[in-house]
N, C-alpha and C. Protein backbone atom coordinates (compact mmCIF):
# COMPACT_ATOMS: atom_id res chain seq x y z
N MET A 1 -159.06 42.18 -108.22
CA MET A 1 -160.20 42.98 -107.83
C MET A 1 -160.60 42.54 -106.43
N ASP A 2 -160.78 43.51 -105.53
CA ASP A 2 -161.16 43.18 -104.16
C ASP A 2 -162.67 43.21 -103.99
N TYR A 3 -163.12 42.91 -102.80
CA TYR A 3 -164.54 42.78 -102.49
C TYR A 3 -165.30 44.07 -102.76
N VAL A 4 -164.75 45.21 -102.34
CA VAL A 4 -165.44 46.50 -102.53
C VAL A 4 -165.58 46.81 -104.01
N ASP A 5 -164.51 46.57 -104.77
CA ASP A 5 -164.58 46.83 -106.22
C ASP A 5 -165.64 45.96 -106.88
N SER A 6 -165.75 44.69 -106.48
CA SER A 6 -166.74 43.82 -107.11
C SER A 6 -168.16 44.28 -106.78
N ILE A 7 -168.39 44.73 -105.56
CA ILE A 7 -169.71 45.24 -105.20
C ILE A 7 -170.03 46.48 -106.02
N LEU A 8 -169.05 47.38 -106.13
CA LEU A 8 -169.28 48.61 -106.89
C LEU A 8 -169.50 48.30 -108.37
N ARG A 9 -168.73 47.38 -108.93
CA ARG A 9 -168.90 47.04 -110.35
C ARG A 9 -170.29 46.47 -110.59
N ASN A 10 -170.77 45.59 -109.71
CA ASN A 10 -172.10 45.00 -109.88
C ASN A 10 -173.18 46.06 -109.69
N ALA A 11 -172.97 46.99 -108.75
CA ALA A 11 -173.98 48.01 -108.49
C ALA A 11 -174.08 49.00 -109.64
N VAL A 12 -172.95 49.31 -110.27
CA VAL A 12 -172.94 50.32 -111.32
C VAL A 12 -173.22 49.71 -112.69
N SER A 13 -172.98 48.42 -112.87
CA SER A 13 -173.13 47.82 -114.19
C SER A 13 -174.55 47.89 -114.72
N GLY A 14 -175.55 47.93 -113.84
CA GLY A 14 -176.93 48.01 -114.29
C GLY A 14 -177.44 49.41 -114.45
N VAL A 15 -176.59 50.42 -114.20
CA VAL A 15 -177.02 51.81 -114.30
C VAL A 15 -176.97 52.26 -115.76
N VAL A 16 -177.97 52.94 -116.18
CA VAL A 16 -177.99 53.49 -117.54
C VAL A 16 -177.75 54.98 -117.44
N ALA A 17 -177.28 55.56 -118.52
CA ALA A 17 -176.99 56.99 -118.51
C ALA A 17 -178.27 57.78 -118.33
N VAL A 18 -178.22 58.73 -117.40
CA VAL A 18 -179.36 59.62 -117.16
C VAL A 18 -178.83 61.03 -117.34
N GLY A 19 -179.32 61.70 -118.32
CA GLY A 19 -178.84 63.06 -118.58
C GLY A 19 -177.37 63.01 -118.95
N ASP A 20 -176.56 63.81 -118.27
CA ASP A 20 -175.14 63.90 -118.58
C ASP A 20 -174.28 62.94 -117.76
N VAL A 21 -174.89 62.05 -116.94
CA VAL A 21 -174.13 61.14 -116.09
C VAL A 21 -173.80 59.88 -116.87
N ASP A 22 -172.52 59.55 -116.93
CA ASP A 22 -172.06 58.36 -117.63
C ASP A 22 -171.75 57.28 -116.59
N PRO A 23 -172.28 56.07 -116.74
CA PRO A 23 -172.02 55.01 -115.76
C PRO A 23 -170.53 54.71 -115.58
N GLN A 24 -169.73 54.85 -116.62
CA GLN A 24 -168.30 54.60 -116.51
C GLN A 24 -167.63 55.64 -115.60
N GLU A 25 -168.10 56.89 -115.66
CA GLU A 25 -167.56 57.93 -114.78
C GLU A 25 -167.94 57.65 -113.33
N VAL A 26 -169.18 57.20 -113.12
CA VAL A 26 -169.62 56.85 -111.77
C VAL A 26 -168.77 55.71 -111.23
N MET A 27 -168.51 54.72 -112.07
CA MET A 27 -167.69 53.58 -111.66
C MET A 27 -166.28 54.03 -111.31
N ALA A 28 -165.69 54.89 -112.12
CA ALA A 28 -164.33 55.36 -111.87
C ALA A 28 -164.27 56.16 -110.57
N ALA A 29 -165.26 57.01 -110.33
CA ALA A 29 -165.30 57.80 -109.09
C ALA A 29 -165.46 56.89 -107.88
N ALA A 30 -166.31 55.86 -107.99
CA ALA A 30 -166.52 54.93 -106.87
C ALA A 30 -165.24 54.15 -106.58
N GLN A 31 -164.53 53.72 -107.62
CA GLN A 31 -163.28 52.99 -107.42
C GLN A 31 -162.21 53.88 -106.79
N ALA A 32 -162.15 55.14 -107.21
CA ALA A 32 -161.18 56.07 -106.62
C ALA A 32 -161.49 56.30 -105.14
N ASN A 33 -162.79 56.44 -104.84
CA ASN A 33 -163.20 56.62 -103.44
C ASN A 33 -162.84 55.40 -102.61
N ALA A 34 -163.08 54.22 -103.13
CA ALA A 34 -162.76 52.98 -102.42
C ALA A 34 -161.25 52.88 -102.19
N ALA A 35 -160.45 53.27 -103.17
CA ALA A 35 -158.99 53.22 -103.02
C ALA A 35 -158.53 54.19 -101.94
N GLN A 36 -159.14 55.38 -101.90
CA GLN A 36 -158.78 56.35 -100.86
C GLN A 36 -159.12 55.80 -99.47
N GLN A 37 -160.27 55.18 -99.35
CA GLN A 37 -160.67 54.62 -98.05
C GLN A 37 -159.75 53.48 -97.63
N ARG A 38 -159.34 52.64 -98.57
CA ARG A 38 -158.40 51.56 -98.25
C ARG A 38 -157.08 52.13 -97.78
N ALA A 39 -156.60 53.19 -98.43
CA ALA A 39 -155.34 53.81 -98.03
C ALA A 39 -155.44 54.37 -96.62
N ARG A 40 -156.58 54.96 -96.26
CA ARG A 40 -156.76 55.51 -94.91
C ARG A 40 -156.84 54.40 -93.86
N ARG A 41 -157.29 53.21 -94.25
CA ARG A 41 -157.42 52.09 -93.31
C ARG A 41 -156.12 51.33 -93.15
N GLY A 42 -155.06 51.79 -93.72
CA GLY A 42 -153.78 51.09 -93.55
C GLY A 42 -153.42 50.24 -94.75
N GLY A 43 -153.73 50.71 -95.92
CA GLY A 43 -153.34 50.01 -97.13
C GLY A 43 -154.26 48.89 -97.51
N GLY A 44 -155.45 48.86 -96.97
CA GLY A 44 -156.41 47.86 -97.36
C GLY A 44 -156.21 46.52 -96.70
N MET A 45 -155.38 46.44 -95.68
CA MET A 45 -155.18 45.17 -94.99
C MET A 45 -156.46 44.80 -94.25
N PRO A 46 -156.95 43.58 -94.41
CA PRO A 46 -158.17 43.19 -93.71
C PRO A 46 -157.98 43.29 -92.20
N GLY A 47 -158.91 43.92 -91.55
CA GLY A 47 -158.87 44.06 -90.10
C GLY A 47 -157.93 45.14 -89.61
N ALA A 48 -157.32 45.90 -90.52
CA ALA A 48 -156.38 46.95 -90.10
C ALA A 48 -157.15 48.07 -89.40
N ALA A 49 -156.55 48.59 -88.35
CA ALA A 49 -157.17 49.69 -87.61
C ALA A 49 -157.03 50.98 -88.41
N PRO A 50 -158.01 51.86 -88.29
CA PRO A 50 -157.87 53.14 -88.97
C PRO A 50 -156.74 53.94 -88.31
N PRO A 51 -156.12 54.82 -89.05
CA PRO A 51 -155.02 55.58 -88.46
C PRO A 51 -155.53 56.49 -87.35
N SER A 52 -154.67 56.74 -86.37
CA SER A 52 -155.08 57.62 -85.28
C SER A 52 -155.04 59.06 -85.75
N VAL A 53 -155.78 59.88 -85.07
CA VAL A 53 -155.82 61.30 -85.39
C VAL A 53 -154.43 61.88 -85.10
N PRO A 54 -153.88 62.65 -85.99
CA PRO A 54 -152.56 63.23 -85.72
C PRO A 54 -152.56 64.02 -84.42
N PHE A 55 -151.52 63.81 -83.61
CA PHE A 55 -151.43 64.45 -82.29
C PHE A 55 -151.47 65.97 -82.42
N GLY A 56 -150.85 66.51 -83.43
CA GLY A 56 -150.78 67.95 -83.60
C GLY A 56 -152.11 68.61 -83.91
N ARG A 57 -153.10 67.84 -84.33
CA ARG A 57 -154.40 68.42 -84.68
C ARG A 57 -155.40 68.40 -83.54
N SER A 58 -155.06 67.76 -82.43
CA SER A 58 -156.01 67.70 -81.32
C SER A 58 -155.97 69.00 -80.54
N GLU A 59 -157.02 69.25 -79.78
CA GLU A 59 -157.07 70.44 -78.95
C GLU A 59 -156.01 70.35 -77.87
N ARG A 60 -155.49 71.51 -77.46
CA ARG A 60 -154.45 71.52 -76.44
C ARG A 60 -154.95 71.01 -75.10
N SER A 61 -156.23 71.13 -74.84
CA SER A 61 -156.77 70.69 -73.56
C SER A 61 -157.05 69.18 -73.53
N LEU A 62 -156.99 68.52 -74.67
CA LEU A 62 -157.28 67.10 -74.76
C LEU A 62 -156.15 66.29 -74.12
N LEU A 63 -156.52 65.43 -73.16
CA LEU A 63 -155.52 64.57 -72.54
C LEU A 63 -155.37 63.29 -73.35
N ARG A 64 -154.13 62.92 -73.60
CA ARG A 64 -153.82 61.67 -74.30
C ARG A 64 -153.21 60.71 -73.30
N ARG A 65 -153.55 59.42 -73.39
CA ARG A 65 -152.96 58.41 -72.50
C ARG A 65 -151.47 58.28 -72.82
N ALA A 66 -150.67 58.21 -71.78
CA ALA A 66 -149.22 58.09 -71.96
C ALA A 66 -148.61 57.40 -70.75
N PRO A 67 -147.55 56.65 -70.95
CA PRO A 67 -146.86 56.01 -69.82
C PRO A 67 -145.72 56.88 -69.30
N LEU A 68 -145.41 56.71 -68.04
CA LEU A 68 -144.20 57.28 -67.44
C LEU A 68 -143.42 56.08 -66.92
N GLY A 69 -142.35 55.75 -67.61
CA GLY A 69 -141.58 54.56 -67.24
C GLY A 69 -140.46 54.88 -66.27
N PHE A 70 -140.13 53.91 -65.46
CA PHE A 70 -139.01 54.00 -64.53
C PHE A 70 -138.05 52.87 -64.88
N PRO A 71 -136.76 53.05 -64.59
CA PRO A 71 -135.82 51.95 -64.88
C PRO A 71 -136.09 50.74 -63.99
N ASP A 72 -135.94 49.54 -64.55
CA ASP A 72 -136.03 48.32 -63.73
C ASP A 72 -134.92 48.37 -62.69
N LEU A 73 -135.18 47.79 -61.54
CA LEU A 73 -134.18 47.85 -60.48
C LEU A 73 -134.19 46.59 -59.65
N THR A 74 -133.11 46.38 -58.92
CA THR A 74 -132.99 45.29 -57.96
C THR A 74 -132.78 45.92 -56.60
N ILE A 75 -133.64 45.56 -55.64
CA ILE A 75 -133.52 46.09 -54.29
C ILE A 75 -132.78 45.06 -53.45
N PRO A 76 -131.62 45.42 -52.90
CA PRO A 76 -130.86 44.48 -52.07
C PRO A 76 -131.64 44.08 -50.83
N ALA A 77 -131.17 43.07 -50.14
CA ALA A 77 -131.87 42.48 -48.98
C ALA A 77 -131.84 43.38 -47.76
N ASN A 78 -132.80 43.14 -46.87
CA ASN A 78 -132.85 43.68 -45.51
C ASN A 78 -132.87 45.20 -45.40
N GLN A 79 -134.04 45.76 -45.53
CA GLN A 79 -134.29 47.17 -45.26
C GLN A 79 -133.60 48.15 -46.18
N SER A 80 -133.14 47.73 -47.31
CA SER A 80 -132.49 48.66 -48.23
C SER A 80 -133.54 49.56 -48.86
N LEU A 81 -133.27 50.85 -48.87
CA LEU A 81 -134.16 51.81 -49.52
C LEU A 81 -133.64 52.12 -50.91
N ILE A 82 -134.55 52.15 -51.85
CA ILE A 82 -134.20 52.50 -53.23
C ILE A 82 -135.08 53.67 -53.65
N PHE A 83 -134.46 54.71 -54.15
CA PHE A 83 -135.18 55.86 -54.68
C PHE A 83 -135.12 55.77 -56.20
N VAL A 84 -136.26 55.80 -56.84
CA VAL A 84 -136.31 55.79 -58.29
C VAL A 84 -137.11 57.01 -58.72
N SER A 85 -136.62 57.75 -59.71
CA SER A 85 -137.33 58.97 -60.09
C SER A 85 -137.24 59.20 -61.59
N GLN A 86 -138.21 59.97 -62.07
CA GLN A 86 -138.26 60.41 -63.46
C GLN A 86 -138.78 61.84 -63.49
N GLN A 87 -138.26 62.63 -64.42
CA GLN A 87 -138.72 64.00 -64.60
C GLN A 87 -139.56 64.05 -65.87
N VAL A 88 -140.70 64.74 -65.81
CA VAL A 88 -141.60 64.79 -66.96
C VAL A 88 -141.30 66.00 -67.84
N SER A 89 -141.55 65.85 -69.12
CA SER A 89 -141.29 66.93 -70.07
C SER A 89 -142.57 67.69 -70.45
N ARG A 90 -143.73 67.15 -70.06
CA ARG A 90 -145.02 67.81 -70.30
C ARG A 90 -145.87 67.61 -69.07
N VAL A 91 -146.92 68.41 -68.92
CA VAL A 91 -147.84 68.24 -67.80
C VAL A 91 -148.41 66.82 -67.88
N PHE A 92 -148.33 66.09 -66.77
CA PHE A 92 -148.74 64.69 -66.72
C PHE A 92 -149.74 64.52 -65.59
N HIS A 93 -150.85 63.88 -65.88
CA HIS A 93 -151.90 63.61 -64.89
C HIS A 93 -151.94 62.11 -64.60
N PRO A 94 -151.11 61.63 -63.65
CA PRO A 94 -151.04 60.19 -63.40
C PRO A 94 -152.30 59.67 -62.74
N ASP A 95 -152.80 58.56 -63.24
CA ASP A 95 -153.98 57.97 -62.61
C ASP A 95 -153.82 56.49 -62.32
N ARG A 96 -152.67 55.90 -62.65
CA ARG A 96 -152.46 54.49 -62.36
C ARG A 96 -150.97 54.23 -62.17
N LEU A 97 -150.62 53.63 -61.04
CA LEU A 97 -149.25 53.21 -60.76
C LEU A 97 -149.24 51.69 -60.76
N LEU A 98 -148.24 51.11 -61.39
CA LEU A 98 -148.09 49.66 -61.41
C LEU A 98 -146.68 49.31 -60.95
N ILE A 99 -146.60 48.47 -59.91
CA ILE A 99 -145.32 47.99 -59.39
C ILE A 99 -145.39 46.47 -59.35
N VAL A 100 -144.45 45.83 -60.04
CA VAL A 100 -144.44 44.37 -60.13
C VAL A 100 -143.10 43.85 -59.61
N PRO A 101 -143.08 43.36 -58.35
CA PRO A 101 -141.85 42.77 -57.82
C PRO A 101 -141.75 41.30 -58.23
N SER A 102 -140.52 40.76 -58.24
CA SER A 102 -140.31 39.36 -58.59
C SER A 102 -140.65 38.43 -57.42
N ALA A 103 -140.81 38.99 -56.22
CA ALA A 103 -141.15 38.20 -55.02
C ALA A 103 -141.84 39.12 -54.02
N PRO A 104 -142.60 38.56 -53.07
CA PRO A 104 -143.23 39.41 -52.05
C PRO A 104 -142.18 39.98 -51.10
N GLY A 105 -142.54 41.08 -50.44
CA GLY A 105 -141.67 41.65 -49.43
C GLY A 105 -141.26 43.09 -49.67
N ILE A 106 -141.79 43.72 -50.71
CA ILE A 106 -141.48 45.12 -51.00
C ILE A 106 -142.58 46.00 -50.41
N VAL A 107 -142.18 47.10 -49.79
CA VAL A 107 -143.14 48.09 -49.31
C VAL A 107 -142.77 49.45 -49.90
N ILE A 108 -143.77 50.32 -49.97
CA ILE A 108 -143.57 51.68 -50.49
C ILE A 108 -143.45 52.61 -49.29
N ASP A 109 -142.35 53.31 -49.21
CA ASP A 109 -142.18 54.29 -48.13
C ASP A 109 -142.59 55.68 -48.56
N SER A 110 -142.54 55.97 -49.85
CA SER A 110 -142.88 57.32 -50.30
C SER A 110 -143.19 57.33 -51.79
N ILE A 111 -144.16 58.13 -52.18
CA ILE A 111 -144.40 58.49 -53.57
C ILE A 111 -144.53 60.00 -53.56
N ARG A 112 -143.61 60.67 -54.23
CA ARG A 112 -143.61 62.13 -54.21
C ARG A 112 -143.75 62.68 -55.63
N VAL A 113 -144.59 63.69 -55.76
CA VAL A 113 -144.69 64.48 -56.98
C VAL A 113 -144.07 65.82 -56.62
N GLY A 114 -142.87 66.06 -57.12
CA GLY A 114 -142.13 67.24 -56.68
C GLY A 114 -141.83 67.09 -55.19
N ASP A 115 -142.31 68.04 -54.39
CA ASP A 115 -142.12 67.94 -52.94
C ASP A 115 -143.41 67.53 -52.21
N GLU A 116 -144.43 67.11 -52.97
CA GLU A 116 -145.71 66.75 -52.39
C GLU A 116 -145.84 65.23 -52.22
N GLU A 117 -145.97 64.80 -50.97
CA GLU A 117 -146.10 63.37 -50.64
C GLU A 117 -147.48 62.88 -51.08
N GLN A 118 -147.54 61.67 -51.67
CA GLN A 118 -148.79 61.11 -52.17
C GLN A 118 -149.34 59.97 -51.30
N VAL A 119 -148.53 59.41 -50.40
CA VAL A 119 -149.02 58.36 -49.51
C VAL A 119 -149.16 58.90 -48.10
N VAL A 120 -150.07 58.32 -47.33
CA VAL A 120 -150.36 58.81 -45.99
C VAL A 120 -149.30 58.37 -44.99
N THR A 121 -148.78 57.16 -45.16
CA THR A 121 -147.77 56.64 -44.23
C THR A 121 -146.78 55.75 -44.97
N SER A 122 -145.59 55.60 -44.43
CA SER A 122 -144.61 54.70 -45.04
C SER A 122 -145.00 53.26 -44.75
N GLY A 123 -144.42 52.34 -45.48
CA GLY A 123 -144.71 50.92 -45.29
C GLY A 123 -145.96 50.45 -46.01
N THR A 124 -146.42 51.19 -47.02
CA THR A 124 -147.59 50.81 -47.80
C THR A 124 -147.29 49.54 -48.59
N PRO A 125 -148.14 48.52 -48.49
CA PRO A 125 -147.87 47.28 -49.24
C PRO A 125 -147.85 47.52 -50.75
N VAL A 126 -146.84 46.99 -51.40
CA VAL A 126 -146.70 47.17 -52.84
C VAL A 126 -147.86 46.51 -53.59
N GLU A 127 -148.53 45.54 -52.96
CA GLU A 127 -149.65 44.84 -53.60
C GLU A 127 -150.80 45.79 -53.95
N LEU A 128 -150.87 46.94 -53.28
CA LEU A 128 -151.90 47.93 -53.62
C LEU A 128 -151.70 48.49 -55.02
N TYR A 129 -150.50 48.33 -55.56
CA TYR A 129 -150.19 48.82 -56.90
C TYR A 129 -149.71 47.70 -57.82
N GLY A 130 -150.07 46.45 -57.49
CA GLY A 130 -149.68 45.30 -58.29
C GLY A 130 -150.68 45.04 -59.40
N THR A 131 -150.46 43.95 -60.12
CA THR A 131 -151.31 43.62 -61.27
C THR A 131 -152.75 43.34 -60.86
N GLU A 132 -152.97 42.78 -59.69
CA GLU A 132 -154.34 42.50 -59.25
C GLU A 132 -155.10 43.78 -58.92
N ALA A 133 -154.37 44.85 -58.61
CA ALA A 133 -155.01 46.13 -58.33
C ALA A 133 -155.51 46.82 -59.61
N LEU A 134 -155.12 46.31 -60.77
CA LEU A 134 -155.56 46.92 -62.03
C LEU A 134 -157.06 46.77 -62.25
N THR A 135 -157.69 45.84 -61.54
CA THR A 135 -159.13 45.68 -61.69
C THR A 135 -159.90 46.73 -60.91
N ASP A 136 -159.23 47.50 -60.07
CA ASP A 136 -159.86 48.58 -59.32
C ASP A 136 -160.35 49.62 -60.32
N THR A 137 -161.62 49.99 -60.23
CA THR A 137 -162.18 50.94 -61.19
C THR A 137 -161.90 52.39 -60.84
N LEU A 138 -161.41 52.65 -59.64
CA LEU A 138 -161.07 54.02 -59.26
C LEU A 138 -159.62 54.32 -59.63
N ALA A 139 -159.38 55.52 -60.12
CA ALA A 139 -158.02 55.93 -60.44
C ALA A 139 -157.23 56.13 -59.16
N ASP A 140 -155.90 56.06 -59.25
CA ASP A 140 -155.05 56.28 -58.09
C ASP A 140 -155.07 57.73 -57.63
N ASN A 141 -155.43 58.66 -58.52
CA ASN A 141 -155.68 60.06 -58.18
C ASN A 141 -154.46 60.76 -57.58
N PHE A 142 -153.31 60.64 -58.24
CA PHE A 142 -152.12 61.36 -57.80
C PHE A 142 -152.22 62.82 -58.23
N SER A 143 -151.42 63.66 -57.62
CA SER A 143 -151.37 65.08 -58.00
C SER A 143 -150.83 65.22 -59.41
N PRO A 144 -151.31 66.21 -60.16
CA PRO A 144 -150.74 66.45 -61.50
C PRO A 144 -149.25 66.79 -61.39
N VAL A 145 -148.50 66.35 -62.37
CA VAL A 145 -147.06 66.59 -62.40
C VAL A 145 -146.79 67.68 -63.43
N GLN A 146 -146.30 68.81 -62.98
CA GLN A 146 -146.03 69.92 -63.88
C GLN A 146 -144.74 69.67 -64.67
N THR A 147 -144.61 70.33 -65.80
CA THR A 147 -143.43 70.20 -66.64
C THR A 147 -142.16 70.45 -65.83
N GLY A 148 -141.18 69.57 -65.95
CA GLY A 148 -139.91 69.70 -65.24
C GLY A 148 -139.93 69.17 -63.82
N THR A 149 -141.08 68.68 -63.36
CA THR A 149 -141.18 68.16 -61.99
C THR A 149 -140.80 66.69 -61.98
N THR A 150 -140.24 66.25 -60.87
CA THR A 150 -139.78 64.87 -60.73
C THR A 150 -140.77 64.06 -59.90
N VAL A 151 -141.05 62.84 -60.36
CA VAL A 151 -141.83 61.87 -59.60
C VAL A 151 -140.82 60.90 -58.98
N THR A 152 -140.84 60.77 -57.65
CA THR A 152 -139.88 59.92 -56.94
C THR A 152 -140.63 58.89 -56.11
N ILE A 153 -140.25 57.63 -56.24
CA ILE A 153 -140.85 56.54 -55.49
C ILE A 153 -139.75 55.89 -54.66
N THR A 154 -140.01 55.72 -53.36
CA THR A 154 -139.04 55.09 -52.46
C THR A 154 -139.58 53.72 -52.06
N LEU A 155 -138.82 52.68 -52.35
CA LEU A 155 -139.21 51.30 -52.06
C LEU A 155 -138.24 50.70 -51.05
N ARG A 156 -138.76 49.76 -50.24
CA ARG A 156 -137.93 49.10 -49.23
C ARG A 156 -138.15 47.59 -49.29
N ASN A 157 -137.06 46.84 -49.20
CA ASN A 157 -137.10 45.38 -49.20
C ASN A 157 -137.11 44.91 -47.75
N THR A 158 -138.13 44.15 -47.36
CA THR A 158 -138.24 43.66 -45.98
C THR A 158 -137.79 42.21 -45.84
N THR A 159 -137.22 41.64 -46.90
CA THR A 159 -136.82 40.23 -46.87
C THR A 159 -135.30 40.09 -46.80
N GLY A 160 -134.84 38.86 -46.71
CA GLY A 160 -133.42 38.58 -46.66
C GLY A 160 -132.81 38.28 -48.01
N ALA A 161 -133.52 38.54 -49.10
CA ALA A 161 -133.01 38.26 -50.44
C ALA A 161 -133.27 39.48 -51.35
N PRO A 162 -132.42 39.69 -52.34
CA PRO A 162 -132.67 40.79 -53.27
C PRO A 162 -133.92 40.51 -54.11
N ILE A 163 -134.64 41.57 -54.49
CA ILE A 163 -135.87 41.44 -55.27
C ILE A 163 -135.81 42.40 -56.45
N ASP A 164 -136.11 41.88 -57.65
CA ASP A 164 -136.20 42.71 -58.85
C ASP A 164 -137.57 43.37 -58.89
N VAL A 165 -137.62 44.61 -59.37
CA VAL A 165 -138.89 45.35 -59.41
C VAL A 165 -138.99 46.09 -60.75
N THR A 166 -140.18 46.02 -61.34
CA THR A 166 -140.53 46.78 -62.53
C THR A 166 -141.67 47.72 -62.14
N LEU A 167 -141.58 48.98 -62.54
CA LEU A 167 -142.65 49.91 -62.18
C LEU A 167 -142.84 50.98 -63.26
N GLY A 168 -144.05 51.53 -63.27
CA GLY A 168 -144.39 52.58 -64.22
C GLY A 168 -145.72 53.20 -63.86
N MET A 169 -146.02 54.32 -64.49
CA MET A 169 -147.28 55.04 -64.29
C MET A 169 -147.95 55.25 -65.64
N LYS A 170 -149.28 55.32 -65.62
CA LYS A 170 -150.05 55.69 -66.79
C LYS A 170 -150.87 56.91 -66.43
N GLY A 171 -151.10 57.74 -67.37
CA GLY A 171 -151.90 58.92 -67.14
C GLY A 171 -152.14 59.66 -68.43
N GLY A 172 -152.54 60.91 -68.30
CA GLY A 172 -152.81 61.74 -69.46
C GLY A 172 -151.81 62.87 -69.56
N VAL A 173 -151.46 63.23 -70.80
CA VAL A 173 -150.59 64.37 -71.03
C VAL A 173 -151.30 65.34 -71.96
N GLN A 174 -150.97 66.60 -71.79
CA GLN A 174 -151.45 67.61 -72.72
C GLN A 174 -150.34 67.85 -73.72
N ARG A 175 -150.72 68.10 -74.95
CA ARG A 175 -149.67 68.33 -75.94
C ARG A 175 -149.12 69.72 -75.81
């Protein structure tokens, strides 16, 4: 017997029949209700999160948080340009770019949504999109990416050694 059942048993045990209401029926209904609630909470596991709302039942205009991942890459030494791109399958509203190099010396020459440039000039320091930039409360405010459109990021290594880079975007998608 779990905690909820013991509370319900103690609460109902002192109830006397009033009219056509039987205390045993009230107890059975309360236990069934408690079992249904435990099942919705993830099988009654203590501290389990409630299940998320099914994606198919949300309004079409509701934006859901989603990542746009890019493949990890290694940028060779000395001015090598690397183009990394991904094509989206649904309308995507990117609001955060994260680029994590294994060493300093990477600059961003271009961020394009389709054919629309998102940076003002080439040579943008990658630190603007690093982990420390996550504390910035303003979104990166990139253009929305329409279905079938490609997001392309061009990175350049300014050092004499190869650098590994991990990058991705977060934003909202419509179902």
